[in-house]
Amino acid sequence: MEIRIDFLLILIAMLFFWIAYMAGIKKQTWILSGFRESRIRDKDRLASIAGYFFLNSGIFILLNGFISFQGQDQLIPPMILAYGAGVIIYVNKKLI
Protein backbone atom coordinates (compact mmCIF):
# COMPACT_ATOMS: atom_id res chain seq x y z
CA MET A 1 0.00 0.00 0.00
CA GLU A 2 1.38 3.37 -0.94
CA ILE A 3 0.23 6.94 -0.61
CA ARG A 4 -0.26 8.82 -3.87
CA ILE A 5 -2.55 11.57 -5.11
CA ASP A 6 -4.81 10.90 -8.09
CA PHE A 7 -6.40 14.21 -9.00
CA LEU A 8 -8.93 12.66 -11.37
CA LEU A 9 -10.38 10.49 -8.59
CA ILE A 10 -10.48 13.51 -6.27
CA LEU A 11 -12.35 15.49 -8.94
CA ILE A 12 -14.83 12.62 -9.42
CA ALA A 13 -15.32 12.44 -5.64
CA MET A 14 -16.09 16.18 -5.56
CA LEU A 15 -18.69 15.63 -8.29
CA PHE A 16 -20.26 12.86 -6.22
CA PHE A 17 -20.32 15.15 -3.16
CA TRP A 18 -22.05 17.86 -5.21
CA ILE A 19 -24.69 15.39 -6.45
CA ALA A 20 -25.15 14.12 -2.86
CA TYR A 21 -25.74 17.70 -1.71
CA MET A 22 -28.14 18.51 -4.55
CA ALA A 23 -30.12 15.27 -4.19
CA GLY A 24 -29.96 14.65 -0.47
CA ILE A 25 -30.19 18.13 1.01
CA LYS A 26 -31.73 20.30 -1.71
CA LYS A 27 -34.10 17.46 -2.79
CA GLN A 28 -33.34 18.03 -6.49
CA THR A 29 -34.41 14.61 -7.77
CA TRP A 30 -34.33 15.80 -11.39
CA ILE A 31 -30.55 15.36 -11.27
CA LEU A 32 -30.99 11.58 -10.95
CA SER A 33 -31.29 9.89 -14.31
CA GLY A 34 -33.15 6.64 -14.71
CA PHE A 35 -36.09 7.51 -12.49
CA ARG A 36 -39.38 8.90 -13.72
CA GLU A 37 -40.33 11.43 -11.10
CA SER A 38 -44.03 10.92 -11.80
CA ARG A 39 -43.80 7.23 -10.81
CA ILE A 40 -41.99 7.78 -7.50
CA ARG A 41 -44.36 7.88 -4.52
CA ASP A 42 -41.99 9.29 -1.89
CA LYS A 43 -39.59 11.78 -3.48
CA ASP A 44 -38.10 12.80 -0.13
CA ARG A 45 -37.10 9.22 0.58
CA LEU A 46 -35.65 8.87 -2.92
CA ALA A 47 -33.64 12.04 -2.38
CA SER A 48 -32.39 10.77 0.98
CA ILE A 49 -31.39 7.35 -0.39
CA ALA A 50 -29.65 8.88 -3.42
CA GLY A 51 -27.88 11.43 -1.22
CA TYR A 52 -26.48 8.72 1.04
CA PHE A 53 -25.45 6.63 -1.97
CA PHE A 54 -23.51 9.49 -3.57
CA LEU A 55 -22.02 10.56 -0.22
CA ASN A 56 -20.79 7.03 0.58
CA SER A 57 -19.48 6.51 -2.93
CA GLY A 58 -17.78 9.93 -2.89
CA ILE A 59 -16.02 9.15 0.38
CA PHE A 60 -14.88 5.79 -1.00
CA ILE A 61 -13.60 7.36 -4.23
CA LEU A 62 -11.88 10.17 -2.32
CA LEU A 63 -10.03 7.68 -0.14
CA ASN A 64 -8.95 5.81 -3.26
CA GLY A 65 -7.62 9.09 -4.64
CA PHE A 66 -5.06 9.14 -1.82
CA ILE A 67 -4.36 5.48 -1.06
CA SER A 68 -3.24 2.93 -3.63
CA PHE A 69 -3.03 -0.83 -3.28
CA GLN A 70 -2.47 -3.74 -5.62
CA GLY A 71 -5.59 -4.78 -7.54
CA GLN A 72 -7.39 -1.51 -6.84
CA ASP A 73 -8.32 -0.94 -10.49
CA GLN A 74 -10.07 -4.31 -10.70
CA LEU A 75 -11.83 -4.06 -7.33
CA ILE A 76 -13.19 -0.52 -6.96
CA PRO A 77 -15.44 -0.08 -10.04
CA PRO A 78 -17.34 -3.37 -9.55
CA MET A 79 -17.91 -2.57 -5.88
CA ILE A 80 -19.43 0.83 -6.65
CA LEU A 81 -21.52 -0.61 -9.50
CA ALA A 82 -22.84 -3.41 -7.26
CA TYR A 83 -23.70 -0.89 -4.54
CA GLY A 84 -25.47 1.30 -7.12
CA ALA A 85 -27.36 -1.66 -8.56
CA GLY A 86 -28.54 -2.57 -5.07
CA VAL A 87 -29.77 0.99 -4.50
CA ILE A 88 -31.58 1.04 -7.86
CA ILE A 89 -33.26 -2.30 -7.16
CA TYR A 90 -34.31 -1.16 -3.69
CA VAL A 91 -35.78 2.10 -5.02
CA ASN A 92 -37.65 0.32 -7.81
CA LYS A 93 -39.12 -2.27 -5.42
CA LYS A 94 -40.01 0.04 -2.51
CA LEU A 95 -40.72 3.49 -3.96
CA ILE A 96 -42.61 2.77 -7.18
PDB file of N, CA and C in Angstrom:
ATOM      1  N   MET A   1       0.858  -1.171   0.000  1.00  0.00           N
ATOM      2  CA  MET A   1       0.000   0.000   0.000  1.00  0.00           C
ATOM      3  C   MET A   1       0.902   1.231   0.000  1.00  0.00           C
ATOM      4  N   GLU A   2       0.595   2.150  -0.863  1.00  0.00           N
ATOM      5  CA  GLU A   2       1.382   3.371  -0.937  1.00  0.00           C
ATOM      6  C   GLU A   2       0.456   4.577  -0.981  1.00  0.00           C
ATOM      7  N   ILE A   3       0.989   5.703  -0.602  1.00  0.00           N
ATOM      8  CA  ILE A   3       0.225   6.944  -0.612  1.00  0.00           C
ATOM      9  C   ILE A   3       0.573   7.677  -1.895  1.00  0.00           C
ATOM     10  N   ARG A   4      -0.443   8.047  -2.644  1.00  0.00           N
ATOM     11  CA  ARG A   4      -0.262   8.823  -3.871  1.00  0.00           C
ATOM     12  C   ARG A   4      -1.501   9.690  -4.037  1.00  0.00           C
ATOM     13  N   ILE A   5      -1.408  10.685  -4.878  1.00  0.00           N
ATOM     14  CA  ILE A   5      -2.548  11.569  -5.114  1.00  0.00           C
ATOM     15  C   ILE A   5      -2.978  11.418  -6.564  1.00  0.00           C
ATOM     16  N   ASP A   6      -4.223  11.030  -6.759  1.00  0.00           N
ATOM     17  CA  ASP A   6      -4.811  10.898  -8.086  1.00  0.00           C
ATOM     18  C   ASP A   6      -5.876  11.994  -8.214  1.00  0.00           C
ATOM     19  N   PHE A   7      -5.522  13.051  -8.923  1.00  0.00           N
ATOM     20  CA  PHE A   7      -6.401  14.214  -8.996  1.00  0.00           C
ATOM     21  C   PHE A   7      -7.702  13.935  -9.730  1.00  0.00           C
ATOM     22  N   LEU A   8      -7.695  13.005 -10.667  1.00  0.00           N
ATOM     23  CA  LEU A   8      -8.932  12.662 -11.370  1.00  0.00           C
ATOM     24  C   LEU A   8      -9.938  12.019 -10.415  1.00  0.00           C
ATOM     25  N   LEU A   9      -9.480  11.107  -9.574  1.00  0.00           N
ATOM     26  CA  LEU A   9     -10.381  10.492  -8.591  1.00  0.00           C
ATOM     27  C   LEU A   9     -10.886  11.516  -7.584  1.00  0.00           C
ATOM     28  N   ILE A  10     -10.048  12.462  -7.199  1.00  0.00           N
ATOM     29  CA  ILE A  10     -10.482  13.506  -6.274  1.00  0.00           C
ATOM     30  C   ILE A  10     -11.529  14.388  -6.932  1.00  0.00           C
ATOM     31  N   LEU A  11     -11.362  14.695  -8.199  1.00  0.00           N
ATOM     32  CA  LEU A  11     -12.355  15.487  -8.937  1.00  0.00           C
ATOM     33  C   LEU A  11     -13.683  14.727  -9.056  1.00  0.00           C
ATOM     34  N   ILE A  12     -13.620  13.436  -9.337  1.00  0.00           N
ATOM     35  CA  ILE A  12     -14.832  12.616  -9.424  1.00  0.00           C
ATOM     36  C   ILE A  12     -15.527  12.560  -8.060  1.00  0.00           C
ATOM     37  N   ALA A  13     -14.753  12.451  -6.991  1.00  0.00           N
ATOM     38  CA  ALA A  13     -15.325  12.440  -5.644  1.00  0.00           C
ATOM     39  C   ALA A  13     -16.029  13.763  -5.354  1.00  0.00           C
ATOM     40  N   MET A  14     -15.447  14.872  -5.765  1.00  0.00           N
ATOM     41  CA  MET A  14     -16.091  16.176  -5.557  1.00  0.00           C
ATOM     42  C   MET A  14     -17.406  16.264  -6.329  1.00  0.00           C
ATOM     43  N   LEU A  15     -17.447  15.678  -7.521  1.00  0.00           N
ATOM     44  CA  LEU A  15     -18.687  15.631  -8.292  1.00  0.00           C
ATOM     45  C   LEU A  15     -19.739  14.800  -7.553  1.00  0.00           C
ATOM     46  N   PHE A  16     -19.333  13.694  -6.986  1.00  0.00           N
ATOM     47  CA  PHE A  16     -20.259  12.856  -6.215  1.00  0.00           C
ATOM     48  C   PHE A  16     -20.762  13.604  -4.984  1.00  0.00           C
ATOM     49  N   PHE A  17     -19.888  14.370  -4.316  1.00  0.00           N
ATOM     50  CA  PHE A  17     -20.319  15.153  -3.160  1.00  0.00           C
ATOM     51  C   PHE A  17     -21.323  16.224  -3.568  1.00  0.00           C
ATOM     52  N   TRP A  18     -21.112  16.849  -4.720  1.00  0.00           N
ATOM     53  CA  TRP A  18     -22.049  17.864  -5.209  1.00  0.00           C
ATOM     54  C   TRP A  18     -23.409  17.238  -5.508  1.00  0.00           C
ATOM     55  N   ILE A  19     -23.427  16.079  -6.155  1.00  0.00           N
ATOM     56  CA  ILE A  19     -24.687  15.395  -6.448  1.00  0.00           C
ATOM     57  C   ILE A  19     -25.360  14.960  -5.145  1.00  0.00           C
ATOM     58  N   ALA A  20     -24.584  14.498  -4.171  1.00  0.00           N
ATOM     59  CA  ALA A  20     -25.149  14.124  -2.864  1.00  0.00           C
ATOM     60  C   ALA A  20     -25.806  15.328  -2.205  1.00  0.00           C
ATOM     61  N   TYR A  21     -25.178  16.479  -2.286  1.00  0.00           N
ATOM     62  CA  TYR A  21     -25.742  17.696  -1.712  1.00  0.00           C
ATOM     63  C   TYR A  21     -27.022  18.092  -2.440  1.00  0.00           C
ATOM     64  N   MET A  22     -26.979  18.091  -3.763  1.00  0.00           N
ATOM     65  CA  MET A  22     -28.144  18.514  -4.547  1.00  0.00           C
ATOM     66  C   MET A  22     -29.312  17.545  -4.360  1.00  0.00           C
ATOM     67  N   ALA A  23     -29.041  16.264  -4.326  1.00  0.00           N
ATOM     68  CA  ALA A  23     -30.118  15.274  -4.194  1.00  0.00           C
ATOM     69  C   ALA A  23     -30.556  15.111  -2.747  1.00  0.00           C
ATOM     70  N   GLY A  24     -29.619  14.962  -1.844  1.00  0.00           N
ATOM     71  CA  GLY A  24     -29.959  14.645  -0.468  1.00  0.00           C
ATOM     72  C   GLY A  24     -30.436  15.813   0.363  1.00  0.00           C
ATOM     73  N   ILE A  25     -29.840  16.980   0.176  1.00  0.00           N
ATOM     74  CA  ILE A  25     -30.195  18.131   1.010  1.00  0.00           C
ATOM     75  C   ILE A  25     -31.156  19.067   0.292  1.00  0.00           C
ATOM     76  N   LYS A  26     -30.864  19.386  -0.950  1.00  0.00           N
ATOM     77  CA  LYS A  26     -31.727  20.304  -1.706  1.00  0.00           C
ATOM     78  C   LYS A  26     -32.940  19.606  -2.321  1.00  0.00           C
ATOM     79  N   LYS A  27     -32.980  18.268  -2.269  1.00  0.00           N
ATOM     80  CA  LYS A  27     -34.101  17.459  -2.791  1.00  0.00           C
ATOM     81  C   LYS A  27     -34.337  17.676  -4.282  1.00  0.00           C
ATOM     82  N   GLN A  28     -33.270  17.844  -5.034  1.00  0.00           N
ATOM     83  CA  GLN A  28     -33.342  18.026  -6.485  1.00  0.00           C
ATOM     84  C   GLN A  28     -33.276  16.652  -7.161  1.00  0.00           C
ATOM     85  N   THR A  29     -34.407  15.966  -7.216  1.00  0.00           N
ATOM     86  CA  THR A  29     -34.412  14.610  -7.772  1.00  0.00           C
ATOM     87  C   THR A  29     -34.314  14.603  -9.292  1.00  0.00           C
ATOM     88  N   TRP A  30     -34.455  15.740  -9.932  1.00  0.00           N
ATOM     89  CA  TRP A  30     -34.334  15.797 -11.391  1.00  0.00           C
ATOM     90  C   TRP A  30     -32.917  15.462 -11.830  1.00  0.00           C
ATOM     91  N   ILE A  31     -31.950  15.617 -10.934  1.00  0.00           N
ATOM     92  CA  ILE A  31     -30.553  15.358 -11.275  1.00  0.00           C
ATOM     93  C   ILE A  31     -30.273  13.857 -11.411  1.00  0.00           C
ATOM     94  N   LEU A  32     -31.171  13.022 -10.905  1.00  0.00           N
ATOM     95  CA  LEU A  32     -30.994  11.577 -10.954  1.00  0.00           C
ATOM     96  C   LEU A  32     -31.589  11.037 -12.247  1.00  0.00           C
ATOM     97  N   SER A  33     -30.769  10.464 -13.074  1.00  0.00           N
ATOM     98  CA  SER A  33     -31.291   9.891 -14.310  1.00  0.00           C
ATOM     99  C   SER A  33     -31.756   8.462 -14.054  1.00  0.00           C
ATOM    100  N   GLY A  34     -32.676   8.009 -14.835  1.00  0.00           N
ATOM    101  CA  GLY A  34     -33.149   6.638 -14.714  1.00  0.00           C
ATOM    102  C   GLY A  34     -34.405   6.487 -13.889  1.00  0.00           C
ATOM    103  N   PHE A  35     -34.873   7.563 -13.272  1.00  0.00           N
ATOM    104  CA  PHE A  35     -36.093   7.509 -12.485  1.00  0.00           C
ATOM    105  C   PHE A  35     -37.108   8.482 -13.073  1.00  0.00           C
ATOM    106  N   ARG A  36     -38.297   7.999 -13.313  1.00  0.00           N
ATOM    107  CA  ARG A  36     -39.376   8.897 -13.724  1.00  0.00           C
ATOM    108  C   ARG A  36     -39.976   9.485 -12.456  1.00  0.00           C
ATOM    109  N   GLU A  37     -39.860  10.786 -12.326  1.00  0.00           N
ATOM    110  CA  GLU A  37     -40.333  11.435 -11.101  1.00  0.00           C
ATOM    111  C   GLU A  37     -41.822  11.234 -10.883  1.00  0.00           C
ATOM    112  N   SER A  38     -42.573  11.090 -11.954  1.00  0.00           N
ATOM    113  CA  SER A  38     -44.026  10.925 -11.800  1.00  0.00           C
ATOM    114  C   SER A  38     -44.380   9.561 -11.201  1.00  0.00           C
ATOM    115  N   ARG A  39     -43.514   8.577 -11.331  1.00  0.00           N
ATOM    116  CA  ARG A  39     -43.795   7.235 -10.812  1.00  0.00           C
ATOM    117  C   ARG A  39     -43.346   7.042  -9.369  1.00  0.00           C
ATOM    118  N   ILE A  40     -42.505   7.914  -8.866  1.00  0.00           N
ATOM    119  CA  ILE A  40     -41.987   7.780  -7.503  1.00  0.00           C
ATOM    120  C   ILE A  40     -43.022   8.305  -6.514  1.00  0.00           C
ATOM    121  N   ARG A  41     -43.368   7.483  -5.524  1.00  0.00           N
ATOM    122  CA  ARG A  41     -44.364   7.882  -4.518  1.00  0.00           C
ATOM    123  C   ARG A  41     -43.781   8.806  -3.467  1.00  0.00           C
ATOM    124  N   ASP A  42     -42.590   8.520  -2.983  1.00  0.00           N
ATOM    125  CA  ASP A  42     -41.992   9.292  -1.893  1.00  0.00           C
ATOM    126  C   ASP A  42     -40.681   9.912  -2.385  1.00  0.00           C
ATOM    127  N   LYS A  43     -40.772  11.127  -2.917  1.00  0.00           N
ATOM    128  CA  LYS A  43     -39.590  11.779  -3.484  1.00  0.00           C
ATOM    129  C   LYS A  43     -38.578  12.173  -2.413  1.00  0.00           C
ATOM    130  N   ASP A  44     -39.042  12.469  -1.213  1.00  0.00           N
ATOM    131  CA  ASP A  44     -38.100  12.803  -0.134  1.00  0.00           C
ATOM    132  C   ASP A  44     -37.245  11.598   0.240  1.00  0.00           C
ATOM    133  N   ARG A  45     -37.855  10.435   0.267  1.00  0.00           N
ATOM    134  CA  ARG A  45     -37.105   9.216   0.585  1.00  0.00           C
ATOM    135  C   ARG A  45     -36.124   8.877  -0.530  1.00  0.00           C
ATOM    136  N   LEU A  46     -36.553   9.070  -1.785  1.00  0.00           N
ATOM    137  CA  LEU A  46     -35.650   8.865  -2.917  1.00  0.00           C
ATOM    138  C   LEU A  46     -34.456   9.802  -2.816  1.00  0.00           C
ATOM    139  N   ALA A  47     -34.719  11.069  -2.500  1.00  0.00           N
ATOM    140  CA  ALA A  47     -33.637  12.040  -2.376  1.00  0.00           C
ATOM    141  C   ALA A  47     -32.686  11.650  -1.253  1.00  0.00           C
ATOM    142  N   SER A  48     -33.223  11.184  -0.149  1.00  0.00           N
ATOM    143  CA  SER A  48     -32.386  10.772   0.979  1.00  0.00           C
ATOM    144  C   SER A  48     -31.531   9.559   0.622  1.00  0.00           C
ATOM    145  N   ILE A  49     -32.127   8.559  -0.002  1.00  0.00           N
ATOM    146  CA  ILE A  49     -31.388   7.349  -0.388  1.00  0.00           C
ATOM    147  C   ILE A  49     -30.299   7.690  -1.400  1.00  0.00           C
ATOM    148  N   ALA A  50     -30.633   8.494  -2.397  1.00  0.00           N
ATOM    149  CA  ALA A  50     -29.652   8.880  -3.417  1.00  0.00           C
ATOM    150  C   ALA A  50     -28.536   9.721  -2.803  1.00  0.00           C
ATOM    151  N   GLY A  51     -28.899  10.617  -1.886  1.00  0.00           N
ATOM    152  CA  GLY A  51     -27.881  11.431  -1.225  1.00  0.00           C
ATOM    153  C   GLY A  51     -26.886  10.588  -0.456  1.00  0.00           C
ATOM    154  N   TYR A  52     -27.389   9.608   0.300  1.00  0.00           N
ATOM    155  CA  TYR A  52     -26.483   8.722   1.039  1.00  0.00           C
ATOM    156  C   TYR A  52     -25.635   7.877   0.097  1.00  0.00           C
ATOM    157  N   PHE A  53     -26.227   7.415  -1.013  1.00  0.00           N
ATOM    158  CA  PHE A  53     -25.448   6.628  -1.974  1.00  0.00           C
ATOM    159  C   PHE A  53     -24.285   7.442  -2.526  1.00  0.00           C
ATOM    160  N   PHE A  54     -24.575   8.674  -2.984  1.00  0.00           N
ATOM    161  CA  PHE A  54     -23.513   9.489  -3.566  1.00  0.00           C
ATOM    162  C   PHE A  54     -22.510   9.942  -2.513  1.00  0.00           C
ATOM    163  N   LEU A  55     -22.950  10.185  -1.291  1.00  0.00           N
ATOM    164  CA  LEU A  55     -22.023  10.557  -0.224  1.00  0.00           C
ATOM    165  C   LEU A  55     -21.081   9.399   0.098  1.00  0.00           C
ATOM    166  N   ASN A  56     -21.629   8.208   0.289  1.00  0.00           N
ATOM    167  CA  ASN A  56     -20.791   7.032   0.584  1.00  0.00           C
ATOM    168  C   ASN A  56     -19.840   6.727  -0.560  1.00  0.00           C
ATOM    169  N   SER A  57     -20.342   6.782  -1.783  1.00  0.00           N
ATOM    170  CA  SER A  57     -19.480   6.511  -2.934  1.00  0.00           C
ATOM    171  C   SER A  57     -18.402   7.575  -3.072  1.00  0.00           C
ATOM    172  N   GLY A  58     -18.762   8.842  -2.817  1.00  0.00           N
ATOM    173  CA  GLY A  58     -17.782   9.927  -2.892  1.00  0.00           C
ATOM    174  C   GLY A  58     -16.676   9.767  -1.866  1.00  0.00           C
ATOM    175  N   ILE A  59     -17.035   9.378  -0.654  1.00  0.00           N
ATOM    176  CA  ILE A  59     -16.019   9.153   0.379  1.00  0.00           C
ATOM    177  C   ILE A  59     -15.092   8.012  -0.035  1.00  0.00           C
ATOM    178  N   PHE A  60     -15.672   6.937  -0.559  1.00  0.00           N
ATOM    179  CA  PHE A  60     -14.885   5.792  -1.002  1.00  0.00           C
ATOM    180  C   PHE A  60     -13.935   6.174  -2.138  1.00  0.00           C
ATOM    181  N   ILE A  61     -14.434   6.937  -3.102  1.00  0.00           N
ATOM    182  CA  ILE A  61     -13.602   7.361  -4.232  1.00  0.00           C
ATOM    183  C   ILE A  61     -12.521   8.327  -3.766  1.00  0.00           C
ATOM    184  N   LEU A  62     -12.870   9.226  -2.838  1.00  0.00           N
ATOM    185  CA  LEU A  62     -11.881  10.174  -2.325  1.00  0.00           C
ATOM    186  C   LEU A  62     -10.741   9.445  -1.612  1.00  0.00           C
ATOM    187  N   LEU A  63     -11.085   8.458  -0.796  1.00  0.00           N
ATOM    188  CA  LEU A  63     -10.034   7.681  -0.136  1.00  0.00           C
ATOM    189  C   LEU A  63      -9.148   6.971  -1.148  1.00  0.00           C
ATOM    190  N   ASN A  64      -9.735   6.488  -2.229  1.00  0.00           N
ATOM    191  CA  ASN A  64      -8.951   5.815  -3.262  1.00  0.00           C
ATOM    192  C   ASN A  64      -8.119   6.797  -4.072  1.00  0.00           C
ATOM    193  N   GLY A  65      -8.445   8.085  -3.996  1.00  0.00           N
ATOM    194  CA  GLY A  65      -7.617   9.094  -4.644  1.00  0.00           C
ATOM    195  C   GLY A  65      -6.312   9.332  -3.902  1.00  0.00           C
ATOM    196  N   PHE A  66      -6.256   8.931  -2.627  1.00  0.00           N
ATOM    197  CA  PHE A  66      -5.062   9.142  -1.819  1.00  0.00           C
ATOM    198  C   PHE A  66      -4.298   7.856  -1.513  1.00  0.00           C
ATOM    199  N   ILE A  67      -4.993   6.741  -1.441  1.00  0.00           N
ATOM    200  CA  ILE A  67      -4.360   5.479  -1.057  1.00  0.00           C
ATOM    201  C   ILE A  67      -4.417   4.517  -2.236  1.00  0.00           C
ATOM    202  N   SER A  68      -3.325   3.870  -2.520  1.00  0.00           N
ATOM    203  CA  SER A  68      -3.243   2.925  -3.627  1.00  0.00           C
ATOM    204  C   SER A  68      -2.815   1.567  -3.099  1.00  0.00           C
ATOM    205  N   PHE A  69      -3.445   0.523  -3.621  1.00  0.00           N
ATOM    206  CA  PHE A  69      -3.033  -0.834  -3.276  1.00  0.00           C
ATOM    207  C   PHE A  69      -3.150  -1.709  -4.504  1.00  0.00           C
ATOM    208  N   GLN A  70      -2.507  -2.850  -4.475  1.00  0.00           N
ATOM    209  CA  GLN A  70      -2.470  -3.743  -5.620  1.00  0.00           C
ATOM    210  C   GLN A  70      -3.866  -4.298  -5.900  1.00  0.00           C
ATOM    211  N   GLY A  71      -4.290  -4.271  -7.141  1.00  0.00           N
ATOM    212  CA  GLY A  71      -5.594  -4.778  -7.542  1.00  0.00           C
ATOM    213  C   GLY A  71      -6.717  -3.769  -7.387  1.00  0.00           C
ATOM    214  N   GLN A  72      -6.386  -2.543  -7.063  1.00  0.00           N
ATOM    215  CA  GLN A  72      -7.388  -1.507  -6.837  1.00  0.00           C
ATOM    216  C   GLN A  72      -8.223  -1.246  -8.086  1.00  0.00           C
ATOM    217  N   ASP A  73      -7.603  -1.241  -9.247  1.00  0.00           N
ATOM    218  CA  ASP A  73      -8.321  -0.939 -10.487  1.00  0.00           C
ATOM    219  C   ASP A  73      -9.339  -2.010 -10.846  1.00  0.00           C
ATOM    220  N   GLN A  74      -9.125  -3.244 -10.420  1.00  0.00           N
ATOM    221  CA  GLN A  74     -10.069  -4.314 -10.701  1.00  0.00           C
ATOM    222  C   GLN A  74     -11.131  -4.448  -9.617  1.00  0.00           C
ATOM    223  N   LEU A  75     -10.925  -3.886  -8.453  1.00  0.00           N
ATOM    224  CA  LEU A  75     -11.834  -4.061  -7.326  1.00  0.00           C
ATOM    225  C   LEU A  75     -12.825  -2.911  -7.159  1.00  0.00           C
ATOM    226  N   ILE A  76     -12.373  -1.687  -7.300  1.00  0.00           N
ATOM    227  CA  ILE A  76     -13.186  -0.518  -6.962  1.00  0.00           C
ATOM    228  C   ILE A  76     -14.397  -0.338  -7.874  1.00  0.00           C
ATOM    229  N   PRO A  77     -14.254  -0.302  -9.201  1.00  0.00           N
ATOM    230  CA  PRO A  77     -15.442  -0.078 -10.044  1.00  0.00           C
ATOM    231  C   PRO A  77     -16.555  -1.115  -9.863  1.00  0.00           C
ATOM    232  N   PRO A  78     -16.249  -2.418  -9.782  1.00  0.00           N
ATOM    233  CA  PRO A  78     -17.341  -3.367  -9.554  1.00  0.00           C
ATOM    234  C   PRO A  78     -18.032  -3.191  -8.203  1.00  0.00           C
ATOM    235  N   MET A  79     -17.290  -2.789  -7.191  1.00  0.00           N
ATOM    236  CA  MET A  79     -17.911  -2.572  -5.881  1.00  0.00           C
ATOM    237  C   MET A  79     -18.907  -1.418  -5.925  1.00  0.00           C
ATOM    238  N   ILE A  80     -18.526  -0.314  -6.563  1.00  0.00           N
ATOM    239  CA  ILE A  80     -19.431   0.834  -6.652  1.00  0.00           C
ATOM    240  C   ILE A  80     -20.625   0.502  -7.534  1.00  0.00           C
ATOM    241  N   LEU A  81     -20.402  -0.217  -8.626  1.00  0.00           N
ATOM    242  CA  LEU A  81     -21.516  -0.605  -9.503  1.00  0.00           C
ATOM    243  C   LEU A  81     -22.482  -1.552  -8.788  1.00  0.00           C
ATOM    244  N   ALA A  82     -21.961  -2.492  -8.012  1.00  0.00           N
ATOM    245  CA  ALA A  82     -22.836  -3.405  -7.265  1.00  0.00           C
ATOM    246  C   ALA A  82     -23.644  -2.650  -6.219  1.00  0.00           C
ATOM    247  N   TYR A  83     -23.005  -1.715  -5.532  1.00  0.00           N
ATOM    248  CA  TYR A  83     -23.700  -0.892  -4.544  1.00  0.00           C
ATOM    249  C   TYR A  83     -24.795  -0.071  -5.227  1.00  0.00           C
ATOM    250  N   GLY A  84     -24.477   0.521  -6.376  1.00  0.00           N
ATOM    251  CA  GLY A  84     -25.467   1.302  -7.124  1.00  0.00           C
ATOM    252  C   GLY A  84     -26.611   0.442  -7.628  1.00  0.00           C
ATOM    253  N   ALA A  85     -26.306  -0.757  -8.095  1.00  0.00           N
ATOM    254  CA  ALA A  85     -27.355  -1.662  -8.561  1.00  0.00           C
ATOM    255  C   ALA A  85     -28.278  -2.040  -7.414  1.00  0.00           C
ATOM    256  N   GLY A  86     -27.715  -2.261  -6.242  1.00  0.00           N
ATOM    257  CA  GLY A  86     -28.538  -2.567  -5.070  1.00  0.00           C
ATOM    258  C   GLY A  86     -29.459  -1.413  -4.713  1.00  0.00           C
ATOM    259  N   VAL A  87     -28.944  -0.197  -4.789  1.00  0.00           N
ATOM    260  CA  VAL A  87     -29.770   0.986  -4.505  1.00  0.00           C
ATOM    261  C   VAL A  87     -30.884   1.121  -5.531  1.00  0.00           C
ATOM    262  N   ILE A  88     -30.575   0.925  -6.800  1.00  0.00           N
ATOM    263  CA  ILE A  88     -31.583   1.043  -7.862  1.00  0.00           C
ATOM    264  C   ILE A  88     -32.667  -0.022  -7.687  1.00  0.00           C
ATOM    265  N   ILE A  89     -32.277  -1.242  -7.385  1.00  0.00           N
ATOM    266  CA  ILE A  89     -33.262  -2.300  -7.163  1.00  0.00           C
ATOM    267  C   ILE A  89     -34.136  -1.981  -5.968  1.00  0.00           C
ATOM    268  N   TYR A  90     -33.539  -1.511  -4.878  1.00  0.00           N
ATOM    269  CA  TYR A  90     -34.309  -1.155  -3.690  1.00  0.00           C
ATOM    270  C   TYR A  90     -35.311  -0.046  -4.002  1.00  0.00           C
ATOM    271  N   VAL A  91     -34.886   0.979  -4.701  1.00  0.00           N
ATOM    272  CA  VAL A  91     -35.785   2.096  -5.022  1.00  0.00           C
ATOM    273  C   VAL A  91     -36.913   1.619  -5.928  1.00  0.00           C
ATOM    274  N   ASN A  92     -36.607   0.800  -6.910  1.00  0.00           N
ATOM    275  CA  ASN A  92     -37.655   0.323  -7.814  1.00  0.00           C
ATOM    276  C   ASN A  92     -38.648  -0.608  -7.130  1.00  0.00           C
ATOM    277  N   LYS A  93     -38.198  -1.352  -6.134  1.00  0.00           N
ATOM    278  CA  LYS A  93     -39.117  -2.266  -5.419  1.00  0.00           C
ATOM    279  C   LYS A  93     -39.948  -1.530  -4.366  1.00  0.00           C
ATOM    280  N   LYS A  94     -39.354  -0.580  -3.669  1.00  0.00           N
ATOM    281  CA  LYS A  94     -40.007   0.040  -2.509  1.00  0.00           C
ATOM    282  C   LYS A  94     -40.688   1.370  -2.794  1.00  0.00           C
ATOM    283  N   LEU A  95     -40.207   2.126  -3.770  1.00  0.00           N
ATOM    284  CA  LEU A  95     -40.716   3.486  -3.965  1.00  0.00           C
ATOM    285  C   LEU A  95     -41.611   3.658  -5.182  1.00  0.00           C
ATOM    286  N   ILE A  96     -41.749   2.641  -5.993  1.00  0.00           N
ATOM    287  CA  ILE A  96     -42.608   2.771  -7.179  1.00  0.00           C
ATOM    288  C   ILE A  96     -43.898   2.027  -6.926  1.00  0.00           C
TER     289      ILE A  96
END
